[in-house]
């Protein structure tokens, strides 16, 4: 064999580092995969689709569910032990409730415990729309206490965000595959310098 032995030694060292647990080289190698998966999540939330590409169940009002520019950024991806790990962080376990579906039990509300807020036309509105920055009611709105009533059972349908099981759907597997190919090409370019 002929050639620069230093380059060959460097290449051998980099190959060894790929096999080491949580090595920086592994982190760098999995970076394109993480970026591609973030792109898949952005696509899901912009098109209201699940990991397999099927539409999520519409909302009660018949609108597409979970259309959001912010929710994809609630997910953080990291590399550990040669694998990409994803974690979703959101208030009130919103993401978990949609991923698995949830049933809200019926409940009783006593009289004089809950405010109802109405606009100038008598339409029920959210409290935050009726209160200004000073905490005062805006012009034309009024609030009153609700009578005793029952809130019926409500069901939040399952809207899967992250694939479950060992098989990745095509949308996710293509993202992983293209990320790995891109990462290996970048690694080869760095290693062969």
Protein backbone atom coordinates (compact mmCIF):
# COMPACT_ATOMS: atom_id res chain seq x y z
CA UNK A 1 0.00 0.00 0.00
CA UNK A 2 1.17 3.46 -0.79
CA UNK A 3 -0.08 6.84 0.32
CA UNK A 4 -0.10 9.14 3.29
CA UNK A 5 0.00 6.98 6.43
CA UNK A 6 -1.15 9.89 8.60
CA UNK A 7 -4.39 10.16 6.62
CA UNK A 8 -4.90 6.42 6.91
CA UNK A 9 -4.29 6.58 10.67
CA UNK A 10 -6.73 9.49 11.00
CA UNK A 11 -9.35 7.56 9.00
CA UNK A 12 -8.88 4.50 11.23
CA UNK A 13 -9.28 6.69 14.33
CA UNK A 14 -12.47 8.24 12.99
CA UNK A 15 -13.88 4.81 12.16
CA UNK A 16 -13.13 3.67 15.72
CA UNK A 17 -14.81 6.78 17.15
CA UNK A 18 -18.01 5.93 15.23
CA UNK A 19 -18.29 2.75 17.29
CA UNK A 20 -17.67 4.44 20.65
CA UNK A 21 -20.64 5.09 22.88
CA UNK A 22 -21.93 8.69 22.60
CA UNK A 23 -18.86 9.81 20.65
CA UNK A 24 -18.90 13.33 19.13
CA UNK A 25 -18.54 11.72 15.71
CA UNK A 26 -21.84 9.85 16.25
CA UNK A 27 -23.53 13.10 17.29
CA UNK A 28 -22.30 14.79 14.13
CA UNK A 29 -23.34 11.81 12.02
CA UNK A 30 -26.93 11.86 13.32
CA UNK A 31 -27.40 15.64 12.95
CA UNK A 32 -28.90 15.47 9.40
CA UNK A 33 -31.33 12.77 10.58
CA UNK A 34 -32.53 15.02 13.41
CA UNK A 35 -33.02 17.94 11.00
CA UNK A 36 -34.98 15.76 8.55
CA UNK A 37 -37.27 14.51 11.34
CA UNK A 38 -37.98 18.10 12.38
CA UNK A 39 -38.97 18.73 8.76
CA UNK A 40 -41.35 15.76 8.85
CA UNK A 41 -43.02 17.15 11.97
CA UNK A 42 -43.40 20.57 10.32
CA UNK A 43 -45.09 18.85 7.38
CA UNK A 44 -47.45 16.89 9.65
CA UNK A 45 -48.57 20.01 11.52
CA UNK A 46 -48.89 22.14 8.37
CA UNK A 47 -51.00 19.54 6.52
CA UNK A 48 -52.87 18.06 9.52
CA UNK A 49 -51.64 14.52 8.80
CA UNK A 50 -50.38 11.60 10.88
CA UNK A 51 -47.00 9.84 10.38
CA UNK A 52 -48.52 7.57 7.71
CA UNK A 53 -49.85 10.57 5.75
CA UNK A 54 -53.54 10.09 6.65
CA UNK A 55 -55.56 13.14 7.67
CA UNK A 56 -56.18 13.65 11.37
CA UNK A 57 -59.81 13.58 12.47
CA UNK A 58 -61.38 17.01 12.05
CA UNK A 59 -62.23 19.16 15.04
CA UNK A 60 -65.78 19.37 16.39
CA UNK A 61 -66.30 22.46 14.23
CA UNK A 62 -65.14 20.58 11.12
CA UNK A 63 -61.75 22.26 10.81
CA UNK A 64 -58.38 20.54 10.26
CA UNK A 65 -56.86 19.56 13.61
CA UNK A 66 -53.53 20.68 15.08
CA UNK A 67 -52.59 23.07 12.30
CA UNK A 68 -49.67 24.82 13.92
CA UNK A 69 -46.36 26.46 13.16
CA UNK A 70 -45.27 26.30 16.81
CA UNK A 71 -46.01 22.67 17.78
CA UNK A 72 -43.24 21.11 15.64
CA UNK A 73 -40.75 23.09 17.72
CA UNK A 74 -42.10 21.52 20.91
CA UNK A 75 -40.07 18.44 19.93
CA UNK A 76 -36.39 18.14 20.71
CA UNK A 77 -34.19 15.50 19.13
CA UNK A 78 -30.90 14.24 20.49
CA UNK A 79 -28.46 11.44 19.75
CA UNK A 80 -27.67 8.85 22.41
CA UNK A 81 -26.11 5.40 22.11
CA UNK A 82 -26.19 5.55 18.32
CA UNK A 83 -29.90 6.36 18.14
CA UNK A 84 -31.97 9.47 17.61
CA UNK A 85 -34.18 10.20 20.63
CA UNK A 86 -37.16 12.56 20.34
CA UNK A 87 -38.97 14.24 23.24
CA UNK A 88 -42.09 16.40 22.97
CA UNK A 89 -42.50 19.17 25.52
CA UNK A 90 -45.77 21.05 25.86
CA UNK A 91 -48.06 22.45 28.53
CA UNK A 92 -50.66 20.17 30.12
CA UNK A 93 -49.49 17.08 28.30
CA UNK A 94 -51.21 18.31 25.15
CA UNK A 95 -49.05 16.26 22.82
CA UNK A 96 -49.53 13.05 24.80
CA UNK A 97 -53.30 13.57 24.88
CA UNK A 98 -53.44 13.90 21.10
CA UNK A 99 -50.98 11.05 20.50
CA UNK A 100 -53.01 8.58 22.58
CA UNK A 101 -56.49 10.15 22.59
CA UNK A 102 -58.23 11.15 25.79
CA UNK A 103 -61.65 11.06 27.41
CA UNK A 104 -62.69 13.90 29.70
CA UNK A 105 -65.18 12.63 32.27
CA UNK A 106 -68.49 14.37 32.85
CA UNK A 107 -68.41 16.80 35.76
CA UNK A 108 -70.77 18.88 37.86
CA UNK A 109 -70.28 22.64 38.18
CA UNK A 110 -71.91 24.28 41.18
CA UNK A 111 -73.75 27.58 40.95
CA UNK A 112 -71.73 30.76 41.46
CA UNK A 113 -68.40 29.03 40.60
CA UNK A 114 -67.87 29.81 36.94
CA UNK A 115 -68.09 33.10 35.06
CA UNK A 116 -69.70 33.37 31.66
CA UNK A 117 -68.63 36.31 29.50
CA UNK A 118 -70.84 37.83 26.78
CA UNK A 119 -70.14 40.41 24.10
CA UNK A 120 -72.39 43.37 23.27
CA UNK A 121 -74.60 41.12 21.09
CA UNK A 122 -75.12 38.58 23.86
CA UNK A 123 -72.79 35.99 22.30
CA UNK A 124 -70.75 33.84 24.69
CA UNK A 125 -67.03 34.64 24.31
CA UNK A 126 -63.78 33.69 26.01
CA UNK A 127 -62.87 35.66 29.09
CA UNK A 128 -59.52 36.79 27.71
CA UNK A 129 -61.27 38.57 24.83
CA UNK A 130 -63.38 40.59 27.26
CA UNK A 131 -60.66 41.74 29.64
CA UNK A 132 -58.12 44.44 28.75
CA UNK A 133 -54.51 44.66 29.98
CA UNK A 134 -55.61 46.41 33.17
CA UNK A 135 -57.93 43.54 34.04
CA UNK A 136 -61.08 45.55 33.38
CA UNK A 137 -64.01 44.42 31.25
CA UNK A 138 -63.94 45.94 27.77
CA UNK A 139 -66.77 48.16 26.57
CA UNK A 140 -69.95 46.31 25.68
CA UNK A 141 -69.08 43.05 27.46
CA UNK A 142 -70.52 41.73 30.66
CA UNK A 143 -69.97 38.75 32.91
CA UNK A 144 -72.36 36.73 34.99
CA UNK A 145 -72.10 33.62 37.14
CA UNK A 146 -73.26 30.36 35.58
CA UNK A 147 -76.03 28.36 37.21
CA UNK A 148 -75.36 24.83 38.44
CA UNK A 149 -74.88 22.59 35.43
CA UNK A 150 -73.31 19.39 34.14
CA UNK A 151 -70.51 19.31 31.59
CA UNK A 152 -70.90 16.13 29.57
CA UNK A 153 -68.21 13.62 28.73
CA UNK A 154 -65.95 14.75 25.90
CA UNK A 155 -63.62 12.64 23.78
CA UNK A 156 -60.41 13.90 22.22
CA UNK A 157 -59.75 11.52 19.32
CA UNK A 158 -56.34 10.00 18.80
CA UNK A 159 -54.23 12.09 16.45
CA UNK A 160 -50.94 10.26 16.21
CA UNK A 161 -47.92 12.54 15.86
CA UNK A 162 -44.98 10.17 16.37
CA UNK A 163 -45.00 6.69 14.82
CA UNK A 164 -45.37 3.79 17.23
CA UNK A 165 -43.91 0.31 16.95
CA UNK A 166 -40.79 -0.92 15.22
CA UNK A 167 -41.88 -0.11 11.64
CA UNK A 168 -41.43 3.46 10.43
CA UNK A 169 -44.02 4.76 7.97
CA UNK A 170 -42.67 5.82 4.54
CA UNK A 171 -42.61 9.55 5.36
CA UNK A 172 -40.40 8.95 8.41
CA UNK A 173 -38.24 6.19 6.90
CA UNK A 174 -37.43 8.38 3.87
CA UNK A 175 -36.39 11.20 6.19
CA UNK A 176 -34.13 8.88 8.21
CA UNK A 177 -32.67 7.26 5.09
CA UNK A 178 -31.87 10.54 3.34
CA UNK A 179 -30.39 11.91 6.59
CA UNK A 180 -28.11 8.89 6.98
CA UNK A 181 -26.96 9.10 3.34
CA UNK A 182 -26.27 12.82 3.71
CA UNK A 183 -24.43 12.23 6.99
CA UNK A 184 -22.26 9.46 5.56
CA UNK A 185 -21.35 11.61 2.54
CA UNK A 186 -20.34 14.47 4.84
CA UNK A 187 -18.39 12.08 7.06
CA UNK A 188 -16.56 10.62 4.06
CA UNK A 189 -15.65 14.11 2.81
CA UNK A 190 -14.24 15.05 6.26
CA UNK A 191 -12.44 11.71 6.64
CA UNK A 192 -10.82 11.83 3.20
CA UNK A 193 -9.38 15.35 3.57
